Every structure is written in structure tokens, then in C-alpha cells.
Protein backbone atom coordinates (compact mmCIF):
# COMPACT_ATOMS: atom_id res chain seq x y z
CA GLN A 1 -9.92 -7.24 -15.42
CA VAL A 2 -8.87 -7.26 -11.79
CA GLN A 3 -10.19 -4.45 -9.65
CA LEU A 4 -8.33 -3.16 -6.62
CA VAL A 5 -10.17 -1.24 -3.91
CA GLU A 6 -8.20 0.58 -1.25
CA SER A 7 -9.65 1.77 2.05
CA GLY A 8 -8.73 2.76 5.58
CA GLY A 9 -7.16 6.17 5.09
CA GLY A 10 -8.00 9.22 7.12
CA LEU A 11 -6.76 12.22 9.06
CA VAL A 12 -4.41 11.46 11.94
CA GLN A 13 -2.08 13.43 14.15
CA PRO A 14 1.69 12.99 13.90
CA GLY A 15 2.64 9.78 15.65
CA GLY A 16 -0.72 8.21 14.90
CA SER A 17 -1.55 4.95 13.16
CA LEU A 18 -3.83 3.61 10.46
CA ARG A 19 -4.50 0.26 8.87
CA LEU A 20 -4.96 0.40 5.12
CA SER A 21 -6.68 -2.40 3.21
CA CYS A 22 -6.63 -3.40 -0.43
CA ALA A 23 -9.20 -5.88 -1.72
CA ALA A 24 -8.65 -7.61 -5.06
CA SER A 25 -11.60 -8.84 -7.10
CA ARG A 26 -9.87 -12.01 -8.21
CA SER A 27 -8.00 -14.62 -6.18
CA ILE A 28 -5.38 -14.98 -8.90
CA PHE A 29 -3.67 -12.03 -7.29
CA ASN A 30 -2.81 -14.30 -4.40
CA THR A 31 -0.06 -15.77 -6.55
CA TYR A 32 1.62 -12.41 -7.20
CA THR A 33 3.88 -10.14 -5.25
CA MET A 34 1.76 -7.22 -4.07
CA GLY A 35 2.87 -3.72 -3.23
CA TRP A 36 1.70 -0.54 -1.60
CA TYR A 37 2.49 2.71 -3.35
CA ARG A 38 1.93 6.32 -2.43
CA GLN A 39 1.75 9.59 -4.30
CA ALA A 40 2.17 12.90 -2.56
CA PRO A 41 0.99 16.15 -4.18
CA GLY A 42 3.37 17.20 -6.94
CA LYS A 43 5.46 14.04 -6.65
CA GLN A 44 5.73 10.78 -8.55
CA ARG A 45 4.14 7.64 -7.27
CA GLU A 46 6.60 5.61 -5.20
CA LEU A 47 6.64 2.01 -4.07
CA VAL A 48 6.89 1.80 -0.28
CA ALA A 49 6.37 -1.88 0.56
CA THR A 50 6.07 -5.26 -1.12
CA ILE A 51 5.08 -8.74 -0.04
CA THR A 52 5.61 -11.91 -2.04
CA SER A 53 3.08 -14.71 -2.32
CA GLY A 54 5.15 -16.54 0.28
CA GLY A 55 5.11 -13.63 2.72
CA SER A 56 8.58 -12.13 2.28
CA THR A 57 8.51 -8.37 2.71
CA ASN A 58 10.58 -5.40 1.62
CA TYR A 59 10.30 -1.70 2.50
CA ALA A 60 11.51 1.64 1.29
CA ASP A 61 14.03 3.20 3.66
CA SER A 62 11.64 6.07 4.40
CA VAL A 63 9.06 3.74 6.00
CA LYS A 64 11.21 0.89 7.33
CA GLY A 65 10.43 0.17 10.96
CA ARG A 66 7.15 2.10 10.85
CA PHE A 67 5.07 0.39 8.16
CA THR A 68 4.15 -3.30 8.00
CA ILE A 69 2.70 -5.02 4.95
CA SER A 70 0.74 -8.24 5.26
CA ARG A 71 -1.72 -10.28 3.25
CA ASP A 72 -4.69 -12.58 3.80
CA ASN A 73 -4.98 -14.73 0.69
CA ALA A 74 -8.26 -16.24 1.87
CA LYS A 75 -9.76 -12.76 1.69
CA ASN A 76 -7.84 -11.60 -1.40
CA THR A 77 -6.70 -8.66 0.73
CA VAL A 78 -3.41 -6.91 1.38
CA TYR A 79 -2.90 -4.64 4.38
CA LEU A 80 -0.53 -1.85 5.30
CA GLN A 81 -0.20 -1.01 8.98
CA VAL A 82 1.20 2.51 9.18
CA ASN A 83 2.56 3.63 12.55
CA SER A 84 4.45 6.65 13.84
CA LEU A 85 3.05 8.72 11.01
CA LYS A 86 4.87 11.87 9.96
CA PRO A 87 3.58 14.86 8.00
CA GLU A 88 5.68 13.70 5.05
CA ASP A 89 3.66 10.48 4.92
CA LYS A 90 0.70 12.48 3.65
CA ALA A 91 -0.25 11.00 0.28
CA VAL A 92 -2.79 8.94 -1.60
CA TYR A 93 -1.96 5.29 -1.02
CA TYR A 94 -2.53 2.65 -3.69
CA CYS A 95 -1.95 -1.06 -4.02
CA ASN A 96 -1.01 -3.05 -7.09
CA ALA A 97 1.10 -5.98 -8.24
CA PRO A 98 4.52 -4.84 -9.44
CA ILE A 99 6.17 -6.59 -12.39
CA GLY A 100 9.87 -6.99 -11.75
CA GLY A 101 11.73 -4.06 -10.30
CA GLY A 102 10.43 -1.39 -12.61
CA THR A 103 7.32 0.70 -12.80
CA LEU A 104 5.06 -1.77 -14.59
CA VAL A 105 2.09 -3.18 -12.72
CA ARG A 106 -0.43 -5.90 -13.43
CA ALA A 107 -3.71 -4.10 -12.86
CA SER A 108 -5.33 -0.75 -13.44
CA TRP A 109 -4.94 1.64 -10.56
CA GLY A 110 -7.74 1.93 -8.04
CA GLN A 111 -8.98 5.15 -6.53
CA GLY A 112 -6.51 4.99 -3.66
CA THR A 113 -7.05 6.02 -0.06
CA GLN A 114 -6.00 9.41 1.30
CA VAL A 115 -3.74 9.61 4.34
CA THR A 116 -3.36 13.04 5.91
CA VAL A 117 -1.07 13.66 8.85
CA SER A 118 -1.64 16.95 10.59
CA SER A 119 -1.92 18.37 14.08
């Protein structure tokens, strides 16, 4: 069973930045498309960014131009650089490997990392 461990969240002011990390316990995940998700209080979990094994990226409209997803296969790690943060970006952020375009994922969910944006 692959384990995913997210880190890097915190409290930042509007306009601030963070770099989130997601470490996978098995290198097999290097062959999969990986994604960053977030879940705000009272809302469903949403997919905000994906990166294929070859490095192609895709973003939700709400984060396009502000978030950047990347991966380091040698370290079994996926990153999410979050810039120009807004209060509405407050959420718990998770990573996983999406299956197709639906809601299925390949691994159990990790504990996530909390991002809070407040002045």
C-alpha cells in the first residue's frame, strides 16, 4: 500500500506563498499522473492541478497562473508552489494519483496539509 505524506502548509497573509510537498512511499508512483487536491470547510474535495509522468500540467481555472505543480521522480515527490494566495484558497491540501477524469484515485488519502490565508 502506497503512503502519501503531505507537508509545507501554514498560515500566510493574502498575497503570500507556500511550497507544498507530497512524498510517496513507492517509486511506482513515478509512472502515474499525480494531482493536488484541496478541501475547504463544508465543501467537496476538488482537484486543482495535475502533472503527468512526462511533466505535462493542467490546472483548475481558480488557480491558473498562481499555482505551479512539479515533480522530482528521483525523490518520489510532487510539489505545489502556491503564490498570490487568497482567503478562498484556505483548505486542507492533499495529493494523490487520479484515475481518468473522475473521482477515483490510486492510493488512500494522506493526512493533508493545512493552508490558511488570513491577515
